[in-house]
Amino acid sequence: MDNEEKSFEFYMKELDNIITEMENGDIDQLEKLVENFEQGSELIDKCNKILKEAELRIYKVQVLKAERPDATALTRKKENRME
């Protein structure tokens, strides 16, 4: 797998493919099972990283909104003016 960052959905699909392959018993070599496990573990780490980043973004919006309830409306007005 390359180091290029992909989407959460991409990583989840790849993980689902690995899990399906392992559950179906399509793999008969221990080495391949271990490789798939390692690959799946890396995919889980990438998904968790993306989820934590999303959670942080949501938290920041909530904090901003709590500190300045009008901040969301002001941001939207600025974005609309830029269009």
N, C-alpha and C. Protein backbone atom coordinates (compact mmCIF):
# COMPACT_ATOMS: atom_id res chain seq x y z
N MET A 1 0.85 -1.19 0.00
CA MET A 1 0.00 0.00 0.00
C MET A 1 0.89 1.24 0.00
N ASP A 2 0.54 2.22 -0.79
CA ASP A 2 1.37 3.42 -0.88
C ASP A 2 1.12 4.36 0.31
N ASN A 3 1.97 5.39 0.41
CA ASN A 3 1.87 6.34 1.52
C ASN A 3 0.93 7.50 1.24
N GLU A 4 0.38 7.56 0.04
CA GLU A 4 -0.54 8.63 -0.31
C GLU A 4 -1.80 8.52 0.55
N GLU A 5 -2.20 9.66 1.12
CA GLU A 5 -3.37 9.63 1.99
C GLU A 5 -4.65 9.53 1.17
N LYS A 6 -5.47 8.58 1.53
CA LYS A 6 -6.74 8.35 0.85
C LYS A 6 -7.87 8.72 1.79
N SER A 7 -9.09 8.51 1.35
CA SER A 7 -10.25 8.86 2.16
C SER A 7 -10.55 7.76 3.18
N PHE A 8 -11.32 8.13 4.19
CA PHE A 8 -11.78 7.19 5.20
C PHE A 8 -12.53 6.04 4.54
N GLU A 9 -13.38 6.37 3.59
CA GLU A 9 -14.18 5.36 2.91
C GLU A 9 -13.30 4.38 2.13
N PHE A 10 -12.25 4.89 1.52
CA PHE A 10 -11.32 4.03 0.79
C PHE A 10 -10.68 3.02 1.74
N TYR A 11 -10.17 3.51 2.87
CA TYR A 11 -9.53 2.63 3.84
C TYR A 11 -10.51 1.60 4.39
N MET A 12 -11.74 2.02 4.66
CA MET A 12 -12.75 1.08 5.17
C MET A 12 -13.07 -0.01 4.15
N LYS A 13 -13.14 0.36 2.88
CA LYS A 13 -13.41 -0.62 1.82
C LYS A 13 -12.27 -1.63 1.73
N GLU A 14 -11.05 -1.13 1.79
CA GLU A 14 -9.89 -2.02 1.76
C GLU A 14 -9.90 -2.98 2.96
N LEU A 15 -10.22 -2.45 4.12
CA LEU A 15 -10.30 -3.27 5.32
C LEU A 15 -11.40 -4.32 5.19
N ASP A 16 -12.53 -3.92 4.66
CA ASP A 16 -13.64 -4.85 4.45
C ASP A 16 -13.23 -5.97 3.50
N ASN A 17 -12.49 -5.64 2.46
CA ASN A 17 -12.01 -6.66 1.51
C ASN A 17 -11.10 -7.67 2.20
N ILE A 18 -10.20 -7.17 3.04
CA ILE A 18 -9.29 -8.06 3.76
C ILE A 18 -10.05 -8.98 4.70
N ILE A 19 -10.98 -8.40 5.44
CA ILE A 19 -11.78 -9.18 6.40
C ILE A 19 -12.58 -10.26 5.68
N THR A 20 -13.21 -9.88 4.57
CA THR A 20 -14.00 -10.84 3.80
C THR A 20 -13.13 -11.99 3.31
N GLU A 21 -11.98 -11.66 2.80
CA GLU A 21 -11.06 -12.68 2.29
C GLU A 21 -10.65 -13.64 3.42
N MET A 22 -10.39 -13.08 4.58
CA MET A 22 -9.97 -13.93 5.71
C MET A 22 -11.14 -14.77 6.23
N GLU A 23 -12.32 -14.17 6.31
CA GLU A 23 -13.49 -14.90 6.81
C GLU A 23 -13.94 -16.01 5.87
N ASN A 24 -13.78 -15.81 4.59
CA ASN A 24 -14.20 -16.81 3.60
C ASN A 24 -13.26 -18.00 3.54
N GLY A 25 -12.13 -17.88 4.22
CA GLY A 25 -11.18 -18.98 4.19
C GLY A 25 -10.46 -19.10 2.86
N ASP A 26 -10.42 -17.99 2.11
CA ASP A 26 -9.77 -18.00 0.80
C ASP A 26 -8.25 -18.06 0.91
N ILE A 27 -7.74 -17.90 2.12
CA ILE A 27 -6.30 -17.88 2.32
C ILE A 27 -5.89 -19.16 3.03
N ASP A 28 -4.95 -19.87 2.44
CA ASP A 28 -4.53 -21.13 3.04
C ASP A 28 -3.08 -21.10 3.54
N GLN A 29 -2.44 -19.96 3.44
CA GLN A 29 -1.06 -19.85 3.89
C GLN A 29 -0.98 -18.92 5.10
N LEU A 30 -0.30 -19.37 6.11
CA LEU A 30 -0.15 -18.59 7.33
C LEU A 30 0.50 -17.24 7.05
N GLU A 31 1.50 -17.23 6.19
CA GLU A 31 2.21 -15.99 5.88
C GLU A 31 1.26 -14.95 5.29
N LYS A 32 0.39 -15.37 4.40
CA LYS A 32 -0.58 -14.45 3.79
C LYS A 32 -1.57 -13.94 4.84
N LEU A 33 -1.99 -14.80 5.76
CA LEU A 33 -2.88 -14.38 6.84
C LEU A 33 -2.22 -13.32 7.71
N VAL A 34 -0.96 -13.53 8.03
CA VAL A 34 -0.22 -12.56 8.86
C VAL A 34 -0.07 -11.23 8.11
N GLU A 35 0.24 -11.31 6.82
CA GLU A 35 0.36 -10.08 6.00
C GLU A 35 -0.97 -9.32 5.99
N ASN A 36 -2.06 -10.04 5.81
CA ASN A 36 -3.37 -9.40 5.81
C ASN A 36 -3.68 -8.77 7.17
N PHE A 37 -3.31 -9.47 8.22
CA PHE A 37 -3.53 -8.93 9.56
C PHE A 37 -2.75 -7.63 9.74
N GLU A 38 -1.50 -7.62 9.31
CA GLU A 38 -0.66 -6.41 9.42
C GLU A 38 -1.26 -5.27 8.59
N GLN A 39 -1.67 -5.59 7.39
CA GLN A 39 -2.26 -4.59 6.51
C GLN A 39 -3.56 -4.04 7.11
N GLY A 40 -4.39 -4.94 7.66
CA GLY A 40 -5.63 -4.51 8.30
C GLY A 40 -5.36 -3.63 9.50
N SER A 41 -4.35 -3.95 10.25
CA SER A 41 -3.99 -3.15 11.42
C SER A 41 -3.56 -1.74 11.00
N GLU A 42 -2.80 -1.64 9.92
CA GLU A 42 -2.39 -0.33 9.39
C GLU A 42 -3.62 0.48 8.93
N LEU A 43 -4.55 -0.20 8.28
CA LEU A 43 -5.77 0.47 7.81
C LEU A 43 -6.60 0.99 8.98
N ILE A 44 -6.69 0.19 10.04
CA ILE A 44 -7.42 0.63 11.23
C ILE A 44 -6.76 1.86 11.83
N ASP A 45 -5.44 1.88 11.89
CA ASP A 45 -4.73 3.05 12.41
C ASP A 45 -5.02 4.30 11.57
N LYS A 46 -5.04 4.14 10.26
CA LYS A 46 -5.32 5.27 9.37
C LYS A 46 -6.76 5.77 9.56
N CYS A 47 -7.70 4.84 9.70
CA CYS A 47 -9.09 5.23 9.93
C CYS A 47 -9.23 5.96 11.26
N ASN A 48 -8.58 5.44 12.28
CA ASN A 48 -8.65 6.09 13.60
C ASN A 48 -8.06 7.50 13.55
N LYS A 49 -6.98 7.68 12.80
CA LYS A 49 -6.37 9.01 12.67
C LYS A 49 -7.35 9.98 12.01
N ILE A 50 -7.99 9.54 10.95
CA ILE A 50 -8.95 10.40 10.25
C ILE A 50 -10.13 10.73 11.16
N LEU A 51 -10.61 9.74 11.92
CA LEU A 51 -11.74 9.98 12.84
C LEU A 51 -11.35 10.96 13.94
N LYS A 52 -10.15 10.84 14.46
CA LYS A 52 -9.70 11.76 15.51
C LYS A 52 -9.59 13.19 14.97
N GLU A 53 -9.12 13.33 13.74
CA GLU A 53 -9.03 14.65 13.12
C GLU A 53 -10.42 15.25 12.93
N ALA A 54 -11.37 14.43 12.50
CA ALA A 54 -12.75 14.90 12.32
C ALA A 54 -13.36 15.29 13.67
N GLU A 55 -13.10 14.48 14.67
CA GLU A 55 -13.60 14.76 16.02
C GLU A 55 -13.04 16.09 16.53
N LEU A 56 -11.77 16.35 16.29
CA LEU A 56 -11.15 17.60 16.71
C LEU A 56 -11.77 18.79 15.99
N ARG A 57 -12.03 18.64 14.70
CA ARG A 57 -12.67 19.73 13.95
C ARG A 57 -14.05 20.04 14.51
N ILE A 58 -14.81 18.99 14.82
CA ILE A 58 -16.15 19.18 15.38
C ILE A 58 -16.06 19.85 16.74
N TYR A 59 -15.12 19.41 17.56
CA TYR A 59 -14.92 20.00 18.88
C TYR A 59 -14.61 21.49 18.76
N LYS A 60 -13.72 21.84 17.83
CA LYS A 60 -13.36 23.26 17.65
C LYS A 60 -14.58 24.09 17.27
N VAL A 61 -15.43 23.55 16.40
CA VAL A 61 -16.65 24.27 16.01
C VAL A 61 -17.55 24.45 17.21
N GLN A 62 -17.69 23.41 18.02
CA GLN A 62 -18.55 23.49 19.20
C GLN A 62 -18.02 24.51 20.20
N VAL A 63 -16.71 24.53 20.41
CA VAL A 63 -16.11 25.49 21.34
C VAL A 63 -16.30 26.91 20.81
N LEU A 64 -16.05 27.11 19.54
CA LEU A 64 -16.22 28.42 18.94
C LEU A 64 -17.67 28.88 19.07
N LYS A 65 -18.58 27.97 18.80
CA LYS A 65 -20.00 28.31 18.89
C LYS A 65 -20.40 28.64 20.32
N ALA A 66 -19.84 27.92 21.29
CA ALA A 66 -20.15 28.18 22.70
C ALA A 66 -19.58 29.52 23.14
N GLU A 67 -18.40 29.86 22.65
CA GLU A 67 -17.77 31.12 23.02
C GLU A 67 -18.42 32.31 22.31
N ARG A 68 -18.79 32.08 21.06
CA ARG A 68 -19.39 33.15 20.26
C ARG A 68 -20.52 32.56 19.44
N PRO A 69 -21.72 32.55 19.98
CA PRO A 69 -22.86 31.95 19.27
C PRO A 69 -23.06 32.52 17.87
N ASP A 70 -22.65 33.75 17.65
CA ASP A 70 -22.83 34.37 16.33
C ASP A 70 -21.70 34.02 15.37
N ALA A 71 -20.67 33.30 15.83
CA ALA A 71 -19.50 33.01 15.00
C ALA A 71 -19.86 32.19 13.77
N THR A 72 -20.73 31.24 13.90
CA THR A 72 -21.13 30.42 12.76
C THR A 72 -21.83 31.27 11.72
N ALA A 73 -22.71 32.13 12.15
CA ALA A 73 -23.41 33.00 11.22
C ALA A 73 -22.44 33.97 10.55
N LEU A 74 -21.49 34.51 11.30
CA LEU A 74 -20.50 35.42 10.73
C LEU A 74 -19.64 34.71 9.69
N THR A 75 -19.26 33.50 9.97
CA THR A 75 -18.45 32.73 9.02
C THR A 75 -19.22 32.49 7.73
N ARG A 76 -20.49 32.14 7.85
CA ARG A 76 -21.31 31.92 6.65
C ARG A 76 -21.45 33.20 5.83
N LYS A 77 -21.63 34.35 6.51
CA LYS A 77 -21.75 35.62 5.79
C LYS A 77 -20.48 35.91 5.01
N LYS A 78 -19.32 35.68 5.64
CA LYS A 78 -18.04 35.92 4.96
C LYS A 78 -17.90 35.00 3.75
N GLU A 79 -18.27 33.73 3.91
CA GLU A 79 -18.17 32.78 2.80
C GLU A 79 -19.10 33.18 1.65
N ASN A 80 -20.30 33.64 1.97
CA ASN A 80 -21.24 34.04 0.94
C ASN A 80 -20.73 35.26 0.17
N ARG A 81 -20.06 36.18 0.87
CA ARG A 81 -19.53 37.36 0.20
C ARG A 81 -18.40 37.00 -0.75
N MET A 82 -17.67 35.94 -0.43
CA MET A 82 -16.52 35.55 -1.25
C MET A 82 -16.95 34.86 -2.53
N GLU A 83 -18.17 34.33 -2.56
CA GLU A 83 -18.65 33.60 -3.76
C GLU A 83 -18.97 34.50 -4.90
